[in-house]
Amino acid sequence: MKKAILITAFATIVLLFSGKARAEPGNGLALMAGYAEHHYRLVQDTKADLIFTGTGIAFGMDFQFVVTDQWSINTALQWSFENTTDIFNVPGNTEGTVFTYNAIFQTRYWFNNIYICPQIGIYYEIFTSHSDQVFSQRGVGGGFAVGWEGKNGWLVNLQYDLETAAPIGVDNIQIYRLLVGFRWK
C-alpha cells in the first residue's frame, strides 16, 4: 500500500507541473466503498507499547462544493470495519475488531480529472478483542488524498491519515484507504 501511495503522489506531482488543462469539478454527493488498513502504535506510561494492525472494508460519503474550476471543498463521513492482529498486546488477545468513524474536511486542487488535497478531521474508534476487552479512543488528525473523478461520475480516492488520540497518548495511528465510488452531479 505504501508503494501505491508513493507512485500515485509522484504521478500527481508530475501532472500538476505539466501544464495540462484544469478540470471542472462538479457539486454533488458521492458514495464510496473500498479497502481500509490501519497501523497502530499506542504509547502508554504503565504498560508496554500496544502495536497492532487492522485490515477491512471502508464506506464513505462526501459532498463537494466547487469554489473555482481549480478548487473544491469536500466534507466527508467515513466508516471502516476491520479485523486486527495482536490487539492490546496481551497473550490470548491475538485477534479483534475495530470500528472507525471519521469526519473529514478537504480542500481539493484539480488538474485534468485528478485532484490532490490536504485533509483534517476528527475520528472515533472502538476496539474489541475476541476475549471481550473493549477500548475506545477519539482524536484529531491530518493527512492527504489523491484521486480521480470521471465526467460520468465514477471516482477513485486514495487517502493517508496520521492521527493522534485523546485522552491517552498515541505515538502513531496511520490509516490508508482506497475507495471507489460514484458522484451525482
N, C-alpha and C. Protein backbone atom coordinates (compact mmCIF):
# COMPACT_ATOMS: atom_id res chain seq x y z
N MET A 1 0.83 -1.19 0.00
CA MET A 1 0.00 0.00 0.00
C MET A 1 0.87 1.25 0.00
N LYS A 2 2.00 1.25 0.73
CA LYS A 2 2.86 2.43 0.77
C LYS A 2 3.44 2.73 -0.60
N LYS A 3 3.80 1.68 -1.34
CA LYS A 3 4.35 1.87 -2.67
C LYS A 3 3.29 2.50 -3.59
N ALA A 4 2.04 2.08 -3.46
CA ALA A 4 0.96 2.65 -4.27
C ALA A 4 0.78 4.13 -3.97
N ILE A 5 0.90 4.51 -2.71
CA ILE A 5 0.76 5.92 -2.33
C ILE A 5 1.89 6.74 -2.94
N LEU A 6 3.12 6.24 -2.88
CA LEU A 6 4.25 6.96 -3.44
C LEU A 6 4.13 7.11 -4.95
N ILE A 7 3.73 6.05 -5.65
CA ILE A 7 3.56 6.12 -7.10
C ILE A 7 2.46 7.10 -7.46
N THR A 8 1.34 7.04 -6.75
CA THR A 8 0.23 7.96 -7.02
C THR A 8 0.63 9.40 -6.74
N ALA A 9 1.33 9.65 -5.65
CA ALA A 9 1.76 11.01 -5.32
C ALA A 9 2.74 11.53 -6.37
N PHE A 10 3.67 10.69 -6.82
CA PHE A 10 4.62 11.11 -7.85
C PHE A 10 3.90 11.45 -9.15
N ALA A 11 2.98 10.59 -9.59
CA ALA A 11 2.23 10.84 -10.82
C ALA A 11 1.41 12.12 -10.72
N THR A 12 0.85 12.37 -9.55
CA THR A 12 0.06 13.58 -9.33
C THR A 12 0.93 14.82 -9.45
N ILE A 13 2.10 14.80 -8.85
CA ILE A 13 3.01 15.94 -8.91
C ILE A 13 3.47 16.19 -10.35
N VAL A 14 3.79 15.13 -11.09
CA VAL A 14 4.19 15.28 -12.49
C VAL A 14 3.08 15.94 -13.29
N LEU A 15 1.84 15.47 -13.12
CA LEU A 15 0.72 16.06 -13.85
C LEU A 15 0.47 17.49 -13.42
N LEU A 16 0.66 17.77 -12.15
CA LEU A 16 0.43 19.12 -11.64
C LEU A 16 1.34 20.14 -12.32
N PHE A 17 2.59 19.77 -12.53
CA PHE A 17 3.54 20.69 -13.12
C PHE A 17 3.70 20.53 -14.63
N SER A 18 2.86 19.71 -15.25
CA SER A 18 2.97 19.50 -16.69
C SER A 18 2.22 20.54 -17.50
N GLY A 19 1.43 21.40 -16.85
CA GLY A 19 0.71 22.46 -17.56
C GLY A 19 -0.54 21.97 -18.25
N LYS A 20 -1.07 20.83 -17.90
CA LYS A 20 -2.29 20.31 -18.52
C LYS A 20 -3.48 21.19 -18.15
N ALA A 21 -4.53 21.10 -18.95
CA ALA A 21 -5.73 21.89 -18.71
C ALA A 21 -6.38 21.50 -17.39
N ARG A 22 -7.01 22.45 -16.77
CA ARG A 22 -7.66 22.24 -15.49
C ARG A 22 -9.01 21.53 -15.69
N ALA A 23 -9.39 20.77 -14.71
CA ALA A 23 -10.69 20.11 -14.73
C ALA A 23 -11.74 21.05 -14.17
N GLU A 24 -12.98 20.68 -14.36
CA GLU A 24 -14.07 21.44 -13.77
C GLU A 24 -14.85 20.49 -12.87
N PRO A 25 -14.51 20.46 -11.59
CA PRO A 25 -15.23 19.57 -10.67
C PRO A 25 -16.68 20.00 -10.55
N GLY A 26 -17.54 19.05 -10.20
CA GLY A 26 -18.96 19.37 -10.06
C GLY A 26 -19.42 19.26 -8.62
N ASN A 27 -20.43 20.06 -8.27
CA ASN A 27 -21.06 19.93 -6.95
C ASN A 27 -21.80 18.60 -6.90
N GLY A 28 -21.88 18.02 -5.71
CA GLY A 28 -22.69 16.83 -5.60
C GLY A 28 -22.26 15.86 -4.51
N LEU A 29 -23.14 14.91 -4.29
CA LEU A 29 -22.97 13.85 -3.29
C LEU A 29 -22.27 12.66 -3.92
N ALA A 30 -21.34 12.04 -3.19
CA ALA A 30 -20.67 10.82 -3.64
C ALA A 30 -20.79 9.75 -2.57
N LEU A 31 -20.98 8.51 -2.99
CA LEU A 31 -20.95 7.34 -2.12
C LEU A 31 -19.79 6.47 -2.55
N MET A 32 -19.05 5.91 -1.57
CA MET A 32 -17.83 5.15 -1.86
C MET A 32 -17.74 3.91 -0.99
N ALA A 33 -16.98 2.94 -1.46
CA ALA A 33 -16.66 1.74 -0.68
C ALA A 33 -15.29 1.26 -1.11
N GLY A 34 -14.61 0.54 -0.22
CA GLY A 34 -13.30 0.03 -0.58
C GLY A 34 -12.56 -0.62 0.57
N TYR A 35 -11.25 -0.47 0.56
CA TYR A 35 -10.32 -1.15 1.45
C TYR A 35 -9.77 -0.17 2.49
N ALA A 36 -9.61 -0.63 3.72
CA ALA A 36 -9.01 0.18 4.78
C ALA A 36 -7.91 -0.63 5.47
N GLU A 37 -6.84 0.06 5.84
CA GLU A 37 -5.74 -0.57 6.57
C GLU A 37 -5.24 0.40 7.62
N HIS A 38 -5.14 -0.07 8.87
CA HIS A 38 -4.68 0.76 9.98
C HIS A 38 -3.41 0.15 10.58
N HIS A 39 -2.52 1.03 11.02
CA HIS A 39 -1.33 0.61 11.77
C HIS A 39 -1.30 1.45 13.05
N TYR A 40 -1.30 0.79 14.20
CA TYR A 40 -1.38 1.47 15.49
C TYR A 40 -0.12 1.26 16.30
N ARG A 41 0.33 2.30 16.94
CA ARG A 41 1.37 2.20 17.96
C ARG A 41 0.96 3.14 19.07
N LEU A 42 0.34 2.59 20.10
CA LEU A 42 -0.16 3.38 21.21
C LEU A 42 0.84 3.34 22.35
N VAL A 43 1.28 4.48 22.80
CA VAL A 43 2.28 4.58 23.86
C VAL A 43 1.56 4.80 25.18
N GLN A 44 1.86 3.94 26.17
CA GLN A 44 1.25 4.08 27.50
C GLN A 44 2.33 4.19 28.55
N ASP A 45 2.03 4.91 29.61
CA ASP A 45 3.02 5.12 30.67
C ASP A 45 3.26 3.85 31.49
N THR A 46 2.22 3.07 31.75
CA THR A 46 2.33 1.96 32.68
C THR A 46 2.51 0.61 32.02
N LYS A 47 2.31 0.52 30.71
CA LYS A 47 2.39 -0.76 30.02
C LYS A 47 3.34 -0.63 28.83
N ALA A 48 3.65 -1.76 28.24
CA ALA A 48 4.44 -1.74 27.01
C ALA A 48 3.60 -1.13 25.89
N ASP A 49 4.27 -0.67 24.85
CA ASP A 49 3.55 -0.12 23.71
C ASP A 49 2.58 -1.16 23.15
N LEU A 50 1.43 -0.70 22.70
CA LEU A 50 0.44 -1.56 22.07
C LEU A 50 0.59 -1.41 20.56
N ILE A 51 0.99 -2.45 19.90
CA ILE A 51 1.23 -2.39 18.47
C ILE A 51 0.38 -3.44 17.78
N PHE A 52 -0.44 -3.01 16.83
CA PHE A 52 -1.23 -3.95 16.06
C PHE A 52 -1.68 -3.32 14.76
N THR A 53 -2.19 -4.14 13.86
CA THR A 53 -2.67 -3.68 12.57
C THR A 53 -4.09 -4.16 12.34
N GLY A 54 -4.77 -3.49 11.45
CA GLY A 54 -6.13 -3.89 11.09
C GLY A 54 -6.35 -3.71 9.60
N THR A 55 -7.06 -4.65 9.00
CA THR A 55 -7.45 -4.53 7.60
C THR A 55 -8.93 -4.87 7.47
N GLY A 56 -9.59 -4.20 6.54
CA GLY A 56 -11.01 -4.48 6.37
C GLY A 56 -11.64 -3.64 5.28
N ILE A 57 -12.93 -3.37 5.45
CA ILE A 57 -13.68 -2.63 4.44
C ILE A 57 -13.99 -1.23 4.94
N ALA A 58 -14.13 -0.32 4.01
CA ALA A 58 -14.43 1.07 4.34
C ALA A 58 -15.61 1.55 3.49
N PHE A 59 -16.39 2.44 4.06
CA PHE A 59 -17.50 3.08 3.37
C PHE A 59 -17.39 4.58 3.60
N GLY A 60 -17.88 5.36 2.65
CA GLY A 60 -17.82 6.79 2.84
C GLY A 60 -18.84 7.51 1.98
N MET A 61 -19.05 8.76 2.36
CA MET A 61 -19.86 9.66 1.56
C MET A 61 -19.28 11.04 1.72
N ASP A 62 -19.35 11.84 0.67
CA ASP A 62 -18.90 13.21 0.78
C ASP A 62 -19.80 14.11 -0.05
N PHE A 63 -19.70 15.39 0.21
CA PHE A 63 -20.39 16.38 -0.61
C PHE A 63 -19.36 17.39 -1.04
N GLN A 64 -19.32 17.62 -2.34
CA GLN A 64 -18.33 18.52 -2.91
C GLN A 64 -18.97 19.87 -3.25
N PHE A 65 -18.30 20.94 -2.84
CA PHE A 65 -18.70 22.31 -3.15
C PHE A 65 -17.62 22.92 -4.03
N VAL A 66 -17.97 23.28 -5.26
CA VAL A 66 -17.00 23.86 -6.18
C VAL A 66 -16.77 25.32 -5.81
N VAL A 67 -15.49 25.71 -5.69
CA VAL A 67 -15.12 27.09 -5.42
C VAL A 67 -14.72 27.78 -6.73
N THR A 68 -13.81 27.16 -7.48
CA THR A 68 -13.41 27.61 -8.82
C THR A 68 -13.22 26.36 -9.67
N ASP A 69 -12.79 26.53 -10.93
CA ASP A 69 -12.53 25.34 -11.74
C ASP A 69 -11.28 24.59 -11.30
N GLN A 70 -10.50 25.18 -10.37
CA GLN A 70 -9.30 24.53 -9.86
C GLN A 70 -9.43 24.05 -8.41
N TRP A 71 -10.40 24.55 -7.67
CA TRP A 71 -10.52 24.25 -6.26
C TRP A 71 -11.94 23.79 -5.90
N SER A 72 -12.00 22.83 -4.99
CA SER A 72 -13.28 22.44 -4.40
C SER A 72 -13.07 22.16 -2.92
N ILE A 73 -14.15 22.24 -2.17
CA ILE A 73 -14.16 21.93 -0.75
C ILE A 73 -15.04 20.70 -0.57
N ASN A 74 -14.54 19.72 0.21
CA ASN A 74 -15.29 18.50 0.44
C ASN A 74 -15.44 18.24 1.93
N THR A 75 -16.63 17.88 2.31
CA THR A 75 -16.88 17.38 3.67
C THR A 75 -17.23 15.90 3.51
N ALA A 76 -16.65 15.06 4.36
CA ALA A 76 -16.82 13.62 4.19
C ALA A 76 -17.08 12.94 5.53
N LEU A 77 -17.85 11.87 5.48
CA LEU A 77 -18.04 10.94 6.59
C LEU A 77 -17.58 9.58 6.11
N GLN A 78 -16.75 8.90 6.93
CA GLN A 78 -16.25 7.59 6.54
C GLN A 78 -16.31 6.62 7.71
N TRP A 79 -16.55 5.36 7.39
CA TRP A 79 -16.61 4.29 8.38
C TRP A 79 -15.74 3.15 7.89
N SER A 80 -15.10 2.44 8.82
CA SER A 80 -14.39 1.22 8.44
C SER A 80 -14.61 0.16 9.51
N PHE A 81 -14.61 -1.08 9.06
CA PHE A 81 -14.77 -2.26 9.92
C PHE A 81 -13.60 -3.17 9.60
N GLU A 82 -12.79 -3.49 10.63
CA GLU A 82 -11.57 -4.22 10.38
C GLU A 82 -11.34 -5.35 11.37
N ASN A 83 -10.64 -6.37 10.91
CA ASN A 83 -10.10 -7.40 11.80
C ASN A 83 -8.68 -6.98 12.15
N THR A 84 -8.28 -7.25 13.39
CA THR A 84 -6.96 -6.83 13.85
C THR A 84 -6.13 -8.02 14.29
N THR A 85 -4.83 -7.79 14.37
CA THR A 85 -3.90 -8.79 14.90
C THR A 85 -3.24 -8.20 16.13
N ASP A 86 -2.93 -9.03 17.08
CA ASP A 86 -2.18 -8.64 18.29
C ASP A 86 -2.84 -7.50 19.04
N ILE A 87 -4.16 -7.48 19.11
CA ILE A 87 -4.85 -6.38 19.77
C ILE A 87 -4.52 -6.38 21.26
N PHE A 88 -4.25 -5.24 21.81
CA PHE A 88 -3.90 -4.99 23.21
C PHE A 88 -2.58 -5.62 23.64
N ASN A 89 -1.87 -6.32 22.74
CA ASN A 89 -0.57 -6.90 23.04
C ASN A 89 -0.61 -7.78 24.30
N VAL A 90 -1.72 -8.48 24.50
CA VAL A 90 -1.91 -9.32 25.68
C VAL A 90 -2.04 -10.77 25.22
N PRO A 91 -1.33 -11.72 25.87
CA PRO A 91 -1.47 -13.13 25.47
C PRO A 91 -2.93 -13.56 25.49
N GLY A 92 -3.34 -14.24 24.45
CA GLY A 92 -4.73 -14.68 24.34
C GLY A 92 -5.62 -13.69 23.59
N ASN A 93 -5.15 -12.48 23.40
CA ASN A 93 -5.91 -11.48 22.66
C ASN A 93 -5.25 -11.24 21.31
N THR A 94 -5.11 -12.27 20.53
CA THR A 94 -4.39 -12.13 19.27
C THR A 94 -5.25 -11.57 18.16
N GLU A 95 -6.56 -11.54 18.33
CA GLU A 95 -7.43 -11.03 17.28
C GLU A 95 -8.53 -10.19 17.88
N GLY A 96 -9.08 -9.33 17.07
CA GLY A 96 -10.19 -8.50 17.49
C GLY A 96 -10.78 -7.76 16.31
N THR A 97 -11.62 -6.79 16.62
CA THR A 97 -12.24 -5.98 15.57
C THR A 97 -12.12 -4.50 15.94
N VAL A 98 -12.17 -3.66 14.91
CA VAL A 98 -12.11 -2.21 15.10
C VAL A 98 -13.20 -1.58 14.24
N PHE A 99 -13.96 -0.68 14.84
CA PHE A 99 -14.91 0.15 14.11
C PHE A 99 -14.39 1.58 14.20
N THR A 100 -14.24 2.25 13.05
CA THR A 100 -13.74 3.61 13.00
C THR A 100 -14.74 4.51 12.29
N TYR A 101 -14.96 5.69 12.85
CA TYR A 101 -15.81 6.72 12.26
C TYR A 101 -14.97 7.98 12.08
N ASN A 102 -14.96 8.55 10.88
CA ASN A 102 -14.19 9.77 10.60
C ASN A 102 -15.10 10.85 10.01
N ALA A 103 -14.89 12.08 10.42
CA ALA A 103 -15.49 13.25 9.78
C ALA A 103 -14.33 14.08 9.25
N ILE A 104 -14.28 14.31 7.95
CA ILE A 104 -13.11 14.88 7.29
C ILE A 104 -13.49 16.13 6.51
N PHE A 105 -12.56 17.09 6.48
CA PHE A 105 -12.68 18.30 5.67
C PHE A 105 -11.48 18.35 4.72
N GLN A 106 -11.75 18.50 3.41
CA GLN A 106 -10.69 18.54 2.40
C GLN A 106 -10.80 19.80 1.55
N THR A 107 -9.66 20.30 1.09
CA THR A 107 -9.61 21.33 0.05
C THR A 107 -8.86 20.72 -1.13
N ARG A 108 -9.58 20.47 -2.22
CA ARG A 108 -9.01 19.76 -3.36
C ARG A 108 -8.53 20.74 -4.43
N TYR A 109 -7.32 20.47 -4.93
CA TYR A 109 -6.77 21.21 -6.06
C TYR A 109 -6.87 20.30 -7.28
N TRP A 110 -7.51 20.77 -8.34
CA TRP A 110 -7.84 19.96 -9.52
C TRP A 110 -6.95 20.29 -10.69
N PHE A 111 -6.57 19.24 -11.44
CA PHE A 111 -5.96 19.36 -12.75
C PHE A 111 -6.37 18.11 -13.51
N ASN A 112 -6.78 18.33 -14.76
CA ASN A 112 -7.43 17.26 -15.52
C ASN A 112 -8.57 16.71 -14.66
N ASN A 113 -8.68 15.42 -14.55
CA ASN A 113 -9.70 14.82 -13.68
C ASN A 113 -9.08 14.31 -12.38
N ILE A 114 -7.87 14.76 -12.07
CA ILE A 114 -7.14 14.30 -10.89
C ILE A 114 -7.06 15.43 -9.87
N TYR A 115 -7.15 15.06 -8.60
CA TYR A 115 -7.01 16.06 -7.54
C TYR A 115 -6.00 15.58 -6.50
N ILE A 116 -5.49 16.54 -5.78
CA ILE A 116 -4.64 16.28 -4.62
C ILE A 116 -5.11 17.24 -3.53
N CYS A 117 -5.11 16.79 -2.28
CA CYS A 117 -5.62 17.68 -1.24
C CYS A 117 -5.09 17.31 0.14
N PRO A 118 -4.92 18.33 0.96
CA PRO A 118 -4.71 18.08 2.38
C PRO A 118 -6.07 17.83 3.02
N GLN A 119 -6.06 17.19 4.17
CA GLN A 119 -7.32 16.97 4.88
C GLN A 119 -7.07 17.00 6.38
N ILE A 120 -8.09 17.44 7.09
CA ILE A 120 -8.09 17.39 8.55
C ILE A 120 -9.39 16.74 8.98
N GLY A 121 -9.41 16.17 10.17
CA GLY A 121 -10.63 15.53 10.61
C GLY A 121 -10.61 15.11 12.06
N ILE A 122 -11.73 14.61 12.48
CA ILE A 122 -11.88 14.02 13.80
C ILE A 122 -12.28 12.56 13.61
N TYR A 123 -11.98 11.74 14.60
CA TYR A 123 -12.34 10.34 14.48
C TYR A 123 -12.67 9.74 15.84
N TYR A 124 -13.35 8.62 15.78
CA TYR A 124 -13.70 7.86 16.98
C TYR A 124 -13.51 6.39 16.62
N GLU A 125 -12.83 5.64 17.49
CA GLU A 125 -12.55 4.23 17.23
C GLU A 125 -12.93 3.38 18.43
N ILE A 126 -13.48 2.21 18.16
CA ILE A 126 -13.82 1.23 19.20
C ILE A 126 -13.10 -0.07 18.86
N PHE A 127 -12.25 -0.53 19.77
CA PHE A 127 -11.51 -1.77 19.62
C PHE A 127 -12.16 -2.82 20.52
N THR A 128 -12.38 -4.01 19.99
CA THR A 128 -12.93 -5.10 20.79
C THR A 128 -12.11 -6.35 20.52
N SER A 129 -11.54 -6.95 21.58
CA SER A 129 -10.81 -8.20 21.40
C SER A 129 -11.81 -9.34 21.44
N HIS A 130 -11.40 -10.49 20.92
CA HIS A 130 -12.29 -11.65 20.94
C HIS A 130 -12.47 -12.20 22.35
N SER A 131 -11.68 -11.70 23.32
CA SER A 131 -11.89 -12.10 24.72
C SER A 131 -12.69 -11.02 25.45
N ASP A 132 -13.42 -10.19 24.70
CA ASP A 132 -14.38 -9.21 25.22
C ASP A 132 -13.78 -8.02 25.95
N GLN A 133 -12.52 -7.70 25.72
CA GLN A 133 -11.98 -6.44 26.24
C GLN A 133 -12.35 -5.35 25.24
N VAL A 134 -12.75 -4.19 25.76
CA VAL A 134 -13.18 -3.07 24.90
C VAL A 134 -12.33 -1.85 25.23
N PHE A 135 -11.94 -1.14 24.20
CA PHE A 135 -11.11 0.04 24.33
C PHE A 135 -11.57 1.03 23.28
N SER A 136 -11.75 2.29 23.63
CA SER A 136 -12.15 3.28 22.63
C SER A 136 -11.26 4.52 22.74
N GLN A 137 -11.21 5.26 21.67
CA GLN A 137 -10.43 6.50 21.66
C GLN A 137 -11.03 7.45 20.64
N ARG A 138 -10.69 8.72 20.79
CA ARG A 138 -11.13 9.74 19.86
C ARG A 138 -9.97 10.70 19.67
N GLY A 139 -9.99 11.45 18.60
CA GLY A 139 -8.90 12.39 18.39
C GLY A 139 -9.04 13.16 17.11
N VAL A 140 -7.97 13.82 16.75
CA VAL A 140 -7.91 14.61 15.53
C VAL A 140 -6.75 14.11 14.68
N GLY A 141 -6.79 14.45 13.41
CA GLY A 141 -5.72 14.02 12.54
C GLY A 141 -5.66 14.83 11.27
N GLY A 142 -4.61 14.60 10.54
CA GLY A 142 -4.41 15.24 9.26
C GLY A 142 -3.86 14.24 8.28
N GLY A 143 -3.85 14.62 7.03
CA GLY A 143 -3.33 13.72 6.02
C GLY A 143 -3.48 14.33 4.64
N PHE A 144 -3.48 13.45 3.65
CA PHE A 144 -3.68 13.92 2.29
C PHE A 144 -4.43 12.85 1.51
N ALA A 145 -4.95 13.28 0.37
CA ALA A 145 -5.65 12.36 -0.52
C ALA A 145 -5.33 12.74 -1.95
N VAL A 146 -5.31 11.75 -2.82
CA VAL A 146 -5.24 11.95 -4.25
C VAL A 146 -6.36 11.13 -4.86
N GLY A 147 -6.86 11.59 -5.98
CA GLY A 147 -7.96 10.86 -6.58
C GLY A 147 -8.22 11.25 -8.01
N TRP A 148 -9.16 10.55 -8.59
CA TRP A 148 -9.59 10.75 -9.97
C TRP A 148 -11.11 10.73 -9.98
N GLU A 149 -11.72 11.64 -10.73
CA GLU A 149 -13.17 11.62 -10.96
C GLU A 149 -13.43 11.77 -12.44
N GLY A 150 -14.18 10.84 -12.99
CA GLY A 150 -14.55 10.90 -14.40
C GLY A 150 -15.76 11.80 -14.61
N LYS A 151 -15.94 12.25 -15.84
CA LYS A 151 -17.09 13.09 -16.16
C LYS A 151 -18.41 12.33 -16.00
N ASN A 152 -18.34 10.99 -16.06
CA ASN A 152 -19.53 10.17 -15.89
C ASN A 152 -19.90 9.95 -14.42
N GLY A 153 -19.11 10.48 -13.47
CA GLY A 153 -19.42 10.39 -12.05
C GLY A 153 -18.61 9.38 -11.26
N TRP A 154 -17.97 8.41 -11.93
CA TRP A 154 -17.17 7.42 -11.21
C TRP A 154 -15.91 8.06 -10.65
N LEU A 155 -15.45 7.55 -9.50
CA LEU A 155 -14.29 8.14 -8.83
C LEU A 155 -13.46 7.09 -8.12
N VAL A 156 -12.19 7.43 -7.91
CA VAL A 156 -11.26 6.63 -7.12
C VAL A 156 -10.54 7.60 -6.18
N ASN A 157 -10.42 7.22 -4.91
CA ASN A 157 -9.83 8.08 -3.90
C ASN A 157 -8.83 7.26 -3.07
N LEU A 158 -7.59 7.75 -2.95
CA LEU A 158 -6.57 7.11 -2.13
C LEU A 158 -6.20 8.09 -1.03
N GLN A 159 -6.32 7.67 0.24
CA GLN A 159 -6.10 8.56 1.38
C GLN A 159 -5.04 8.01 2.32
N TYR A 160 -4.37 8.95 3.00
CA TYR A 160 -3.46 8.62 4.08
C TYR A 160 -3.76 9.58 5.23
N ASP A 161 -3.96 9.05 6.42
CA ASP A 161 -4.19 9.86 7.62
C ASP A 161 -3.17 9.51 8.68
N LEU A 162 -2.73 10.51 9.42
CA LEU A 162 -1.89 10.33 10.60
C LEU A 162 -2.64 11.00 11.73
N GLU A 163 -3.02 10.22 12.74
CA GLU A 163 -3.93 10.72 13.77
C GLU A 163 -3.31 10.64 15.15
N THR A 164 -3.81 11.47 16.05
CA THR A 164 -3.46 11.42 17.46
C THR A 164 -4.74 11.25 18.26
N ALA A 165 -4.62 10.66 19.43
CA ALA A 165 -5.82 10.34 20.20
C ALA A 165 -5.80 10.98 21.57
N ALA A 166 -6.98 11.18 22.11
CA ALA A 166 -7.17 11.68 23.48
C ALA A 166 -8.14 10.72 24.17
N PRO A 167 -8.08 10.50 25.45
CA PRO A 167 -7.23 11.16 26.43
C PRO A 167 -5.87 10.49 26.61
N ILE A 168 -5.60 9.37 25.94
CA ILE A 168 -4.30 8.71 26.11
C ILE A 168 -3.31 9.25 25.10
N GLY A 169 -2.02 9.06 25.35
CA GLY A 169 -1.00 9.48 24.41
C GLY A 169 -0.85 8.44 23.32
N VAL A 170 -0.83 8.89 22.09
CA VAL A 170 -0.66 7.98 20.97
C VAL A 170 0.50 8.46 20.12
N ASP A 171 1.43 7.58 19.89
CA ASP A 171 2.57 7.94 19.09
C ASP A 171 2.22 7.95 17.60
N ASN A 172 1.43 6.99 17.16
CA ASN A 172 1.25 6.86 15.73
C ASN A 172 0.02 6.01 15.40
N ILE A 173 -0.94 6.58 14.71
CA ILE A 173 -2.04 5.83 14.11
C ILE A 173 -2.05 6.23 12.64
N GLN A 174 -1.73 5.28 11.77
CA GLN A 174 -1.71 5.54 10.34
C GLN A 174 -2.87 4.79 9.70
N ILE A 175 -3.61 5.49 8.84
CA ILE A 175 -4.76 4.89 8.18
C ILE A 175 -4.62 5.11 6.67
N TYR A 176 -4.76 4.02 5.92
CA TYR A 176 -4.76 4.07 4.47
C TYR A 176 -6.14 3.63 4.00
N ARG A 177 -6.68 4.33 3.01
CA ARG A 177 -7.96 3.93 2.43
C ARG A 177 -7.89 4.03 0.91
N LEU A 178 -8.42 3.03 0.24
CA LEU A 178 -8.59 3.06 -1.21
C LEU A 178 -10.07 2.87 -1.47
N LEU A 179 -10.73 3.92 -1.96
CA LEU A 179 -12.17 3.93 -2.13
C LEU A 179 -12.55 4.12 -3.60
N VAL A 180 -13.59 3.44 -4.03
CA VAL A 180 -14.16 3.58 -5.36
C VAL A 180 -15.62 3.98 -5.16
N GLY A 181 -16.11 4.91 -5.98
CA GLY A 181 -17.48 5.35 -5.78
C GLY A 181 -18.06 6.07 -6.96
N PHE A 182 -19.17 6.76 -6.69
CA PHE A 182 -19.90 7.48 -7.73
C PHE A 182 -20.41 8.79 -7.17
N ARG A 183 -20.24 9.88 -7.95
CA ARG A 183 -20.75 11.20 -7.55
C ARG A 183 -21.92 11.58 -8.45
N TRP A 184 -23.01 11.98 -7.80
CA TRP A 184 -24.16 12.51 -8.53
C TRP A 184 -23.97 14.00 -8.68
N LYS A 185 -23.88 14.48 -9.92
CA LYS A 185 -23.63 15.91 -10.17
C LYS A 185 -24.88 16.57 -10.72
